[in-house]
Amino acid sequence: MTLTKEYVENIFEHGRKHEMEEMFSYIREDADFTIGNPGYKSTFVSGHYTSRSEYQKAVLPFYSLFAAPPVQVIERLLVIGNTAVCETRNEGVGKKTGQHYVNPVCIIMDFDDDAEKPRTKRVKEYFDSALIQHVHDTNKD
């Protein structure tokens, strides 16, 4: 199957609906994740993760910092070959501060060559690291 914008949009639609199991089914267990700047470790989630489960363990607790699950809106999506580049706007309200947060995120995903259901094999994610850390520091238990 040729990777299409519609296919990638469907993955993000699962995330938008907070259907995490369905969304993560599009990611290989052995996927490689680079989140933020792993060398500088500017946020609690910044790092290099070598599996889907390792990534989930590090990142999913972030969602507990919000009064309701954050909303992710696709601003721009480009698909070139087996690579998708997605610019999103993520919005949420801190569970302790009540502050409204808007975080721009860029996600670059490389997909495998599976003919029926291409799955993500590599992810690089860039975001406002100061904001991510602020949300964490002011809303954690």
C-alpha atoms as a PDB file:
ATOM      1  CA  MET A   1       0.000   0.000   0.000  1.00  0.00           C
ATOM      2  CA  THR A   2       1.229   3.464  -0.835  1.00  0.00           C
ATOM      3  CA  LEU A   3       1.293   5.729   2.204  1.00  0.00           C
ATOM      4  CA  THR A   4      -1.359   8.453   1.850  1.00  0.00           C
ATOM      5  CA  LYS A   5      -2.400  11.554   3.762  1.00  0.00           C
ATOM      6  CA  GLU A   6      -5.748   9.897   4.485  1.00  0.00           C
ATOM      7  CA  TYR A   7      -4.024   6.885   6.042  1.00  0.00           C
ATOM      8  CA  VAL A   8      -1.921   9.103   8.339  1.00  0.00           C
ATOM      9  CA  GLU A   9      -4.921  11.322   9.167  1.00  0.00           C
ATOM     10  CA  ASN A  10      -6.760   8.173  10.279  1.00  0.00           C
ATOM     11  CA  ILE A  11      -3.950   7.403  12.752  1.00  0.00           C
ATOM     12  CA  PHE A  12      -4.198  10.905  14.222  1.00  0.00           C
ATOM     13  CA  GLU A  13      -7.999  10.618  14.316  1.00  0.00           C
ATOM     14  CA  HIS A  14      -7.634   7.705  16.741  1.00  0.00           C
ATOM     15  CA  GLY A  15      -5.431   9.919  18.899  1.00  0.00           C
ATOM     16  CA  ARG A  16      -7.906  12.797  18.697  1.00  0.00           C
ATOM     17  CA  LYS A  17     -10.640  10.453  19.943  1.00  0.00           C
ATOM     18  CA  HIS A  18      -8.275   9.207  22.684  1.00  0.00           C
ATOM     19  CA  GLU A  19      -8.381   5.699  21.208  1.00  0.00           C
ATOM     20  CA  MET A  20      -4.811   5.063  22.262  1.00  0.00           C
ATOM     21  CA  GLU A  21      -4.759   1.305  21.688  1.00  0.00           C
ATOM     22  CA  GLU A  22      -5.950   1.765  18.104  1.00  0.00           C
ATOM     23  CA  MET A  23      -3.507   4.610  17.496  1.00  0.00           C
ATOM     24  CA  PHE A  24      -0.546   2.656  18.850  1.00  0.00           C
ATOM     25  CA  SER A  25      -1.465  -0.353  16.695  1.00  0.00           C
ATOM     26  CA  TYR A  26      -0.014   1.653  13.782  1.00  0.00           C
ATOM     27  CA  ILE A  27       3.389   1.743  15.490  1.00  0.00           C
ATOM     28  CA  ARG A  28       5.773  -1.199  15.489  1.00  0.00           C
ATOM     29  CA  GLU A  29       6.877  -2.502  18.894  1.00  0.00           C
ATOM     30  CA  ASP A  30      10.516  -2.076  17.790  1.00  0.00           C
ATOM     31  CA  ALA A  31       9.960   1.521  16.640  1.00  0.00           C
ATOM     32  CA  ASP A  32      12.653   4.086  17.382  1.00  0.00           C
ATOM     33  CA  PHE A  33      11.580   7.387  18.996  1.00  0.00           C
ATOM     34  CA  THR A  34      13.556  10.601  19.425  1.00  0.00           C
ATOM     35  CA  ILE A  35      11.539  13.059  21.493  1.00  0.00           C
ATOM     36  CA  GLY A  36      12.766  16.611  21.924  1.00  0.00           C
ATOM     37  CA  ASN A  37      16.501  16.873  22.457  1.00  0.00           C
ATOM     38  CA  PRO A  38      17.618  13.640  24.136  1.00  0.00           C
ATOM     39  CA  GLY A  39      21.187  14.904  24.532  1.00  0.00           C
ATOM     40  CA  TYR A  40      20.093  17.920  26.553  1.00  0.00           C
ATOM     41  CA  LYS A  41      17.069  16.285  28.237  1.00  0.00           C
ATOM     42  CA  SER A  42      15.253  19.637  28.381  1.00  0.00           C
ATOM     43  CA  THR A  43      11.982  18.025  29.520  1.00  0.00           C
ATOM     44  CA  PHE A  44      10.919  15.002  31.518  1.00  0.00           C
ATOM     45  CA  VAL A  45       9.797  13.299  28.269  1.00  0.00           C
ATOM     46  CA  SER A  46      12.830  14.198  26.149  1.00  0.00           C
ATOM     47  CA  GLY A  47      14.776  11.130  25.240  1.00  0.00           C
ATOM     48  CA  HIS A  48      15.578   8.335  22.867  1.00  0.00           C
ATOM     49  CA  TYR A  49      13.285   5.318  23.162  1.00  0.00           C
ATOM     50  CA  THR A  50      13.900   2.044  21.344  1.00  0.00           C
ATOM     51  CA  SER A  51      10.445   0.491  21.602  1.00  0.00           C
ATOM     52  CA  ARG A  52       6.793   1.458  21.528  1.00  0.00           C
ATOM     53  CA  SER A  53       6.254   0.248  25.106  1.00  0.00           C
ATOM     54  CA  GLU A  54       9.270   2.215  26.388  1.00  0.00           C
ATOM     55  CA  TYR A  55       7.910   5.346  24.678  1.00  0.00           C
ATOM     56  CA  GLN A  56       4.403   4.787  26.080  1.00  0.00           C
ATOM     57  CA  LYS A  57       5.752   4.335  29.611  1.00  0.00           C
ATOM     58  CA  ALA A  58       7.628   7.638  29.378  1.00  0.00           C
ATOM     59  CA  VAL A  59       5.054   9.764  27.560  1.00  0.00           C
ATOM     60  CA  LEU A  60       1.528   8.599  28.433  1.00  0.00           C
ATOM     61  CA  PRO A  61       1.681   9.871  32.058  1.00  0.00           C
ATOM     62  CA  PHE A  62       1.876  13.392  30.570  1.00  0.00           C
ATOM     63  CA  TYR A  63      -1.832  13.160  29.733  1.00  0.00           C
ATOM     64  CA  SER A  64      -2.675  12.860  33.451  1.00  0.00           C
ATOM     65  CA  LEU A  65      -1.513  16.465  33.948  1.00  0.00           C
ATOM     66  CA  PHE A  66      -4.634  17.797  32.216  1.00  0.00           C
ATOM     67  CA  ALA A  67      -8.219  18.300  33.396  1.00  0.00           C
ATOM     68  CA  ALA A  68      -9.331  16.446  30.247  1.00  0.00           C
ATOM     69  CA  PRO A  69      -7.257  14.770  27.538  1.00  0.00           C
ATOM     70  CA  PRO A  70      -5.522  17.389  25.362  1.00  0.00           C
ATOM     71  CA  VAL A  71      -6.904  17.955  21.871  1.00  0.00           C
ATOM     72  CA  GLN A  72      -4.553  17.522  18.922  1.00  0.00           C
ATOM     73  CA  VAL A  73      -5.393  19.329  15.682  1.00  0.00           C
ATOM     74  CA  ILE A  74      -3.489  18.747  12.448  1.00  0.00           C
ATOM     75  CA  GLU A  75      -2.310  22.063  11.028  1.00  0.00           C
ATOM     76  CA  ARG A  76      -0.342  20.636   8.108  1.00  0.00           C
ATOM     77  CA  LEU A  77       0.460  17.146   6.866  1.00  0.00           C
ATOM     78  CA  LEU A  78       2.943  16.174   4.167  1.00  0.00           C
ATOM     79  CA  VAL A  79       3.478  12.642   2.897  1.00  0.00           C
ATOM     80  CA  ILE A  80       6.512  11.883   0.746  1.00  0.00           C
ATOM     81  CA  GLY A  81       7.169   8.234  -0.015  1.00  0.00           C
ATOM     82  CA  ASN A  82       7.116   6.368   3.312  1.00  0.00           C
ATOM     83  CA  THR A  83       7.596   9.515   5.400  1.00  0.00           C
ATOM     84  CA  ALA A  84       4.913  11.721   6.950  1.00  0.00           C
ATOM     85  CA  VAL A  85       5.594  15.145   8.455  1.00  0.00           C
ATOM     86  CA  CYS A  86       2.776  16.413  10.632  1.00  0.00           C
ATOM     87  CA  GLU A  87       2.521  19.835  12.243  1.00  0.00           C
ATOM     88  CA  THR A  88      -0.052  19.859  15.034  1.00  0.00           C
ATOM     89  CA  ARG A  89      -1.495  22.199  17.609  1.00  0.00           C
ATOM     90  CA  ASN A  90      -2.112  20.525  20.950  1.00  0.00           C
ATOM     91  CA  GLU A  91      -4.416  22.213  23.459  1.00  0.00           C
ATOM     92  CA  GLY A  92      -5.338  21.356  27.009  1.00  0.00           C
ATOM     93  CA  VAL A  93      -6.124  22.764  30.448  1.00  0.00           C
ATOM     94  CA  GLY A  94      -3.835  22.010  33.381  1.00  0.00           C
ATOM     95  CA  LYS A  95      -5.577  19.940  36.064  1.00  0.00           C
ATOM     96  CA  LYS A  96      -4.136  21.997  38.942  1.00  0.00           C
ATOM     97  CA  THR A  97      -3.549  25.418  37.402  1.00  0.00           C
ATOM     98  CA  GLY A  98      -6.629  25.609  35.168  1.00  0.00           C
ATOM     99  CA  GLN A  99      -4.325  27.300  32.672  1.00  0.00           C
ATOM    100  CA  HIS A 100      -5.025  26.818  28.960  1.00  0.00           C
ATOM    101  CA  TYR A 101      -1.975  25.524  27.101  1.00  0.00           C
ATOM    102  CA  VAL A 102      -1.323  25.559  23.355  1.00  0.00           C
ATOM    103  CA  ASN A 103       1.725  23.624  22.188  1.00  0.00           C
ATOM    104  CA  PRO A 104       2.889  23.466  18.563  1.00  0.00           C
ATOM    105  CA  VAL A 105       4.328  20.048  17.725  1.00  0.00           C
ATOM    106  CA  CYS A 106       6.089  18.674  14.645  1.00  0.00           C
ATOM    107  CA  ILE A 107       6.181  14.907  14.212  1.00  0.00           C
ATOM    108  CA  ILE A 108       8.223  13.138  11.532  1.00  0.00           C
ATOM    109  CA  MET A 109       7.248   9.509  11.005  1.00  0.00           C
ATOM    110  CA  ASP A 110       8.972   6.927   8.819  1.00  0.00           C
ATOM    111  CA  PHE A 111       6.804   3.948   7.905  1.00  0.00           C
ATOM    112  CA  ASP A 112       7.767   0.413   6.937  1.00  0.00           C
ATOM    113  CA  ASP A 113       6.929  -1.114   3.558  1.00  0.00           C
ATOM    114  CA  ASP A 114       4.053  -3.321   4.723  1.00  0.00           C
ATOM    115  CA  ALA A 115       1.740  -3.763   1.754  1.00  0.00           C
ATOM    116  CA  GLU A 116      -1.510  -3.851   3.736  1.00  0.00           C
ATOM    117  CA  LYS A 117      -0.913  -1.750   6.850  1.00  0.00           C
ATOM    118  CA  PRO A 118       2.244   0.369   6.927  1.00  0.00           C
ATOM    119  CA  ARG A 119       3.365   0.909  10.506  1.00  0.00           C
ATOM    120  CA  THR A 120       5.600   3.545  11.979  1.00  0.00           C
ATOM    121  CA  LYS A 121       9.183   2.400  12.454  1.00  0.00           C
ATOM    122  CA  ARG A 122      10.819   5.726  13.415  1.00  0.00           C
ATOM    123  CA  VAL A 123       9.468   8.917  15.023  1.00  0.00           C
ATOM    124  CA  LYS A 124      11.085  12.288  15.704  1.00  0.00           C
ATOM    125  CA  GLU A 125       9.013  14.773  17.665  1.00  0.00           C
ATOM    126  CA  TYR A 126       9.741  18.461  18.260  1.00  0.00           C
ATOM    127  CA  PHE A 127       7.756  20.742  20.603  1.00  0.00           C
ATOM    128  CA  ASP A 128       7.917  23.756  22.900  1.00  0.00           C
ATOM    129  CA  SER A 129      10.117  22.173  25.552  1.00  0.00           C
ATOM    130  CA  ALA A 130       9.779  25.049  28.040  1.00  0.00           C
ATOM    131  CA  LEU A 131       5.989  24.755  27.900  1.00  0.00           C
ATOM    132  CA  ILE A 132       6.019  20.960  28.272  1.00  0.00           C
ATOM    133  CA  GLN A 133       8.233  21.191  31.344  1.00  0.00           C
ATOM    134  CA  HIS A 134       6.124  24.027  32.786  1.00  0.00           C
ATOM    135  CA  VAL A 135       2.924  21.976  32.393  1.00  0.00           C
ATOM    136  CA  HIS A 136       4.656  19.086  34.153  1.00  0.00           C
ATOM    137  CA  ASP A 137       6.103  21.131  36.998  1.00  0.00           C
ATOM    138  CA  THR A 138       2.886  23.033  37.770  1.00  0.00           C
ATOM    139  CA  ASN A 139       0.370  20.178  37.392  1.00  0.00           C
ATOM    140  CA  LYS A 140       2.084  17.020  38.647  1.00  0.00           C
ATOM    141  CA  ASP A 141       0.832  15.298  41.782  1.00  0.00           C
END
